[in-house]
Amino acid sequence: MRGLAFRRHQLMRAKGRAVRYLRFVFPGDHGTLTARRIGRRATDRAPCSCWMCGNPRRYGQGPTRAEERAAGRAA
């Protein structure tokens, strides 16, 4: 079982990745790099739950690609 130090290390890695991503998306605007935005990006990779970012089954777009592949192999 891994301890608190490992979880903290993984969180810091995720926050570093989030900072790199946000700097890439907003190159000239460093005001967007707030601690809140970095933390949200680090813990939840989906920026929102709109029809483009969310689960396709929830918004009536049919099965996901993985489900289509699985159905194709099973049939």
N, C-alpha and C. Protein backbone atom coordinates (compact mmCIF):
# COMPACT_ATOMS: atom_id res chain seq x y z
N MET A 1 0.84 -1.18 0.00
CA MET A 1 0.00 0.00 0.00
C MET A 1 0.89 1.24 0.00
N ARG A 2 0.49 2.22 -0.78
CA ARG A 2 1.28 3.43 -0.88
C ARG A 2 0.78 4.47 0.11
N GLY A 3 1.67 5.33 0.50
CA GLY A 3 1.34 6.27 1.56
C GLY A 3 1.00 7.67 1.07
N LEU A 4 0.93 8.55 2.02
CA LEU A 4 0.57 9.93 1.77
C LEU A 4 1.62 10.62 0.90
N ALA A 5 2.88 10.32 1.10
CA ALA A 5 3.94 10.94 0.31
C ALA A 5 3.77 10.63 -1.17
N PHE A 6 3.40 9.40 -1.49
CA PHE A 6 3.20 9.02 -2.88
C PHE A 6 2.02 9.78 -3.49
N ARG A 7 0.93 9.89 -2.74
CA ARG A 7 -0.24 10.61 -3.26
C ARG A 7 0.09 12.09 -3.46
N ARG A 8 0.85 12.66 -2.55
CA ARG A 8 1.26 14.06 -2.72
C ARG A 8 2.16 14.22 -3.94
N HIS A 9 3.05 13.27 -4.14
CA HIS A 9 3.93 13.31 -5.31
C HIS A 9 3.11 13.24 -6.59
N GLN A 10 2.13 12.35 -6.64
CA GLN A 10 1.30 12.22 -7.84
C GLN A 10 0.48 13.49 -8.07
N LEU A 11 0.00 14.12 -7.02
CA LEU A 11 -0.75 15.36 -7.17
C LEU A 11 0.15 16.47 -7.70
N MET A 12 1.37 16.56 -7.22
CA MET A 12 2.30 17.57 -7.73
C MET A 12 2.64 17.33 -9.19
N ARG A 13 2.78 16.06 -9.58
CA ARG A 13 3.00 15.74 -10.99
C ARG A 13 1.82 16.19 -11.85
N ALA A 14 0.61 15.91 -11.37
CA ALA A 14 -0.59 16.29 -12.11
C ALA A 14 -0.71 17.81 -12.21
N LYS A 15 -0.36 18.52 -11.15
CA LYS A 15 -0.43 19.98 -11.19
C LYS A 15 0.62 20.55 -12.14
N GLY A 16 1.79 19.94 -12.19
CA GLY A 16 2.80 20.38 -13.15
C GLY A 16 2.33 20.18 -14.58
N ARG A 17 1.69 19.05 -14.83
CA ARG A 17 1.15 18.78 -16.15
C ARG A 17 0.04 19.77 -16.49
N ALA A 18 -0.78 20.13 -15.50
CA ALA A 18 -1.85 21.09 -15.71
C ALA A 18 -1.29 22.48 -16.03
N VAL A 19 -0.22 22.86 -15.35
CA VAL A 19 0.40 24.16 -15.62
C VAL A 19 0.94 24.20 -17.05
N ARG A 20 1.61 23.14 -17.46
CA ARG A 20 2.13 23.09 -18.83
C ARG A 20 1.00 23.18 -19.85
N TYR A 21 -0.10 22.48 -19.60
CA TYR A 21 -1.24 22.52 -20.51
C TYR A 21 -1.84 23.92 -20.57
N LEU A 22 -2.05 24.55 -19.42
CA LEU A 22 -2.68 25.86 -19.40
C LEU A 22 -1.78 26.91 -20.03
N ARG A 23 -0.48 26.79 -19.88
CA ARG A 23 0.44 27.71 -20.56
C ARG A 23 0.38 27.52 -22.07
N PHE A 24 0.15 26.30 -22.51
CA PHE A 24 0.04 26.02 -23.94
C PHE A 24 -1.27 26.59 -24.49
N VAL A 25 -2.36 26.43 -23.75
CA VAL A 25 -3.66 26.89 -24.22
C VAL A 25 -3.77 28.41 -24.16
N PHE A 26 -3.23 29.02 -23.11
CA PHE A 26 -3.28 30.47 -22.94
C PHE A 26 -1.85 31.00 -22.93
N PRO A 27 -1.20 31.13 -24.09
CA PRO A 27 0.24 31.44 -24.10
C PRO A 27 0.60 32.82 -23.57
N GLY A 28 -0.17 33.85 -23.86
CA GLY A 28 0.23 35.19 -23.44
C GLY A 28 -0.47 35.68 -22.19
N ASP A 29 -1.46 34.94 -21.73
CA ASP A 29 -2.27 35.40 -20.61
C ASP A 29 -1.91 34.59 -19.35
N HIS A 30 -1.01 35.13 -18.54
CA HIS A 30 -0.60 34.42 -17.33
C HIS A 30 -1.55 34.67 -16.16
N GLY A 31 -2.55 35.52 -16.35
CA GLY A 31 -3.54 35.75 -15.31
C GLY A 31 -4.48 34.57 -15.15
N THR A 32 -4.50 33.68 -16.14
CA THR A 32 -5.39 32.53 -16.06
C THR A 32 -4.79 31.40 -15.25
N LEU A 33 -3.53 31.48 -14.88
CA LEU A 33 -2.88 30.42 -14.11
C LEU A 33 -3.13 30.62 -12.62
N THR A 34 -4.36 30.53 -12.22
CA THR A 34 -4.70 30.65 -10.81
C THR A 34 -4.59 29.27 -10.16
N ALA A 35 -4.45 29.26 -8.86
CA ALA A 35 -4.35 27.99 -8.14
C ALA A 35 -5.63 27.17 -8.30
N ARG A 36 -6.75 27.83 -8.35
CA ARG A 36 -8.02 27.12 -8.53
C ARG A 36 -8.09 26.42 -9.88
N ARG A 37 -7.72 27.13 -10.93
CA ARG A 37 -7.77 26.54 -12.28
C ARG A 37 -6.77 25.40 -12.42
N ILE A 38 -5.59 25.57 -11.86
CA ILE A 38 -4.57 24.51 -11.91
C ILE A 38 -5.07 23.28 -11.16
N GLY A 39 -5.64 23.48 -9.98
CA GLY A 39 -6.15 22.36 -9.20
C GLY A 39 -7.28 21.63 -9.88
N ARG A 40 -8.18 22.37 -10.50
CA ARG A 40 -9.30 21.73 -11.20
C ARG A 40 -8.81 20.94 -12.40
N ARG A 41 -7.86 21.49 -13.12
CA ARG A 41 -7.32 20.78 -14.29
C ARG A 41 -6.54 19.54 -13.85
N ALA A 42 -5.88 19.61 -12.71
CA ALA A 42 -5.08 18.49 -12.24
C ALA A 42 -5.94 17.34 -11.74
N THR A 43 -7.06 17.64 -11.09
CA THR A 43 -7.87 16.56 -10.51
C THR A 43 -8.94 16.05 -11.45
N ASP A 44 -9.42 16.88 -12.37
CA ASP A 44 -10.45 16.46 -13.31
C ASP A 44 -10.04 16.92 -14.69
N ARG A 45 -9.62 15.99 -15.53
CA ARG A 45 -9.06 16.36 -16.83
C ARG A 45 -10.11 16.92 -17.79
N ALA A 46 -11.37 16.56 -17.64
CA ALA A 46 -12.41 17.09 -18.51
C ALA A 46 -12.72 18.52 -18.09
N PRO A 47 -12.63 19.48 -18.99
CA PRO A 47 -12.86 20.86 -18.59
C PRO A 47 -14.30 21.17 -18.22
N CYS A 48 -15.24 20.42 -18.78
CA CYS A 48 -16.65 20.66 -18.46
C CYS A 48 -17.44 19.40 -18.80
N SER A 49 -18.74 19.50 -18.76
CA SER A 49 -19.56 18.35 -19.09
C SER A 49 -20.49 18.68 -20.26
N CYS A 50 -20.05 19.54 -21.16
CA CYS A 50 -20.87 19.88 -22.31
C CYS A 50 -20.96 18.69 -23.26
N TRP A 51 -21.69 18.81 -24.34
CA TRP A 51 -21.89 17.69 -25.25
C TRP A 51 -20.61 17.31 -25.98
N MET A 52 -19.64 18.23 -26.08
CA MET A 52 -18.39 17.90 -26.76
C MET A 52 -17.40 17.19 -25.82
N CYS A 53 -17.41 17.57 -24.55
CA CYS A 53 -16.44 17.02 -23.60
C CYS A 53 -16.99 15.85 -22.79
N GLY A 54 -18.30 15.76 -22.68
CA GLY A 54 -18.91 14.79 -21.79
C GLY A 54 -19.07 13.41 -22.40
N ASN A 55 -19.79 12.59 -21.72
CA ASN A 55 -20.03 11.21 -22.13
C ASN A 55 -20.98 11.20 -23.33
N PRO A 56 -20.58 10.58 -24.46
CA PRO A 56 -21.45 10.61 -25.64
C PRO A 56 -22.78 9.89 -25.44
N ARG A 57 -22.81 8.86 -24.59
CA ARG A 57 -24.08 8.17 -24.36
C ARG A 57 -25.07 9.05 -23.64
N ARG A 58 -24.58 9.98 -22.85
CA ARG A 58 -25.47 10.86 -22.09
C ARG A 58 -26.18 11.86 -23.00
N TYR A 59 -25.54 12.23 -24.09
CA TYR A 59 -26.09 13.27 -24.95
C TYR A 59 -26.64 12.72 -26.26
N GLY A 60 -26.96 11.45 -26.31
CA GLY A 60 -27.63 10.86 -27.46
C GLY A 60 -26.78 10.74 -28.70
N GLN A 61 -25.47 10.61 -28.56
CA GLN A 61 -24.61 10.50 -29.71
C GLN A 61 -24.24 9.05 -30.00
N GLY A 62 -24.87 8.13 -29.36
CA GLY A 62 -24.59 6.72 -29.61
C GLY A 62 -23.50 6.18 -28.72
N PRO A 63 -23.06 4.97 -29.00
CA PRO A 63 -22.03 4.34 -28.16
C PRO A 63 -20.66 4.98 -28.38
N THR A 64 -19.78 4.74 -27.43
CA THR A 64 -18.42 5.25 -27.54
C THR A 64 -17.65 4.40 -28.55
N ARG A 65 -16.46 4.85 -28.92
CA ARG A 65 -15.65 4.09 -29.88
C ARG A 65 -15.27 2.72 -29.32
N ALA A 66 -14.95 2.70 -28.04
CA ALA A 66 -14.58 1.43 -27.42
C ALA A 66 -15.75 0.45 -27.45
N GLU A 67 -16.95 0.96 -27.21
CA GLU A 67 -18.13 0.09 -27.26
C GLU A 67 -18.39 -0.40 -28.68
N GLU A 68 -18.17 0.46 -29.68
CA GLU A 68 -18.36 0.03 -31.06
C GLU A 68 -17.35 -1.05 -31.44
N ARG A 69 -16.10 -0.88 -31.01
CA ARG A 69 -15.09 -1.90 -31.31
C ARG A 69 -15.43 -3.21 -30.63
N ALA A 70 -15.88 -3.14 -29.39
CA ALA A 70 -16.23 -4.35 -28.68
C ALA A 70 -17.41 -5.05 -29.33
N ALA A 71 -18.39 -4.30 -29.79
CA ALA A 71 -19.55 -4.89 -30.45
C ALA A 71 -19.14 -5.51 -31.79
N GLY A 72 -18.20 -4.89 -32.47
CA GLY A 72 -17.75 -5.42 -33.75
C GLY A 72 -17.01 -6.73 -33.60
N ARG A 73 -16.24 -6.87 -32.54
CA ARG A 73 -15.51 -8.11 -32.31
C ARG A 73 -16.43 -9.22 -31.84
N ALA A 74 -17.46 -8.85 -31.06
CA ALA A 74 -18.36 -9.87 -30.52
C ALA A 74 -19.30 -10.38 -31.59
N ALA A 75 -19.65 -9.55 -32.55
CA ALA A 75 -20.63 -9.96 -33.57
C ALA A 75 -20.02 -10.79 -34.67
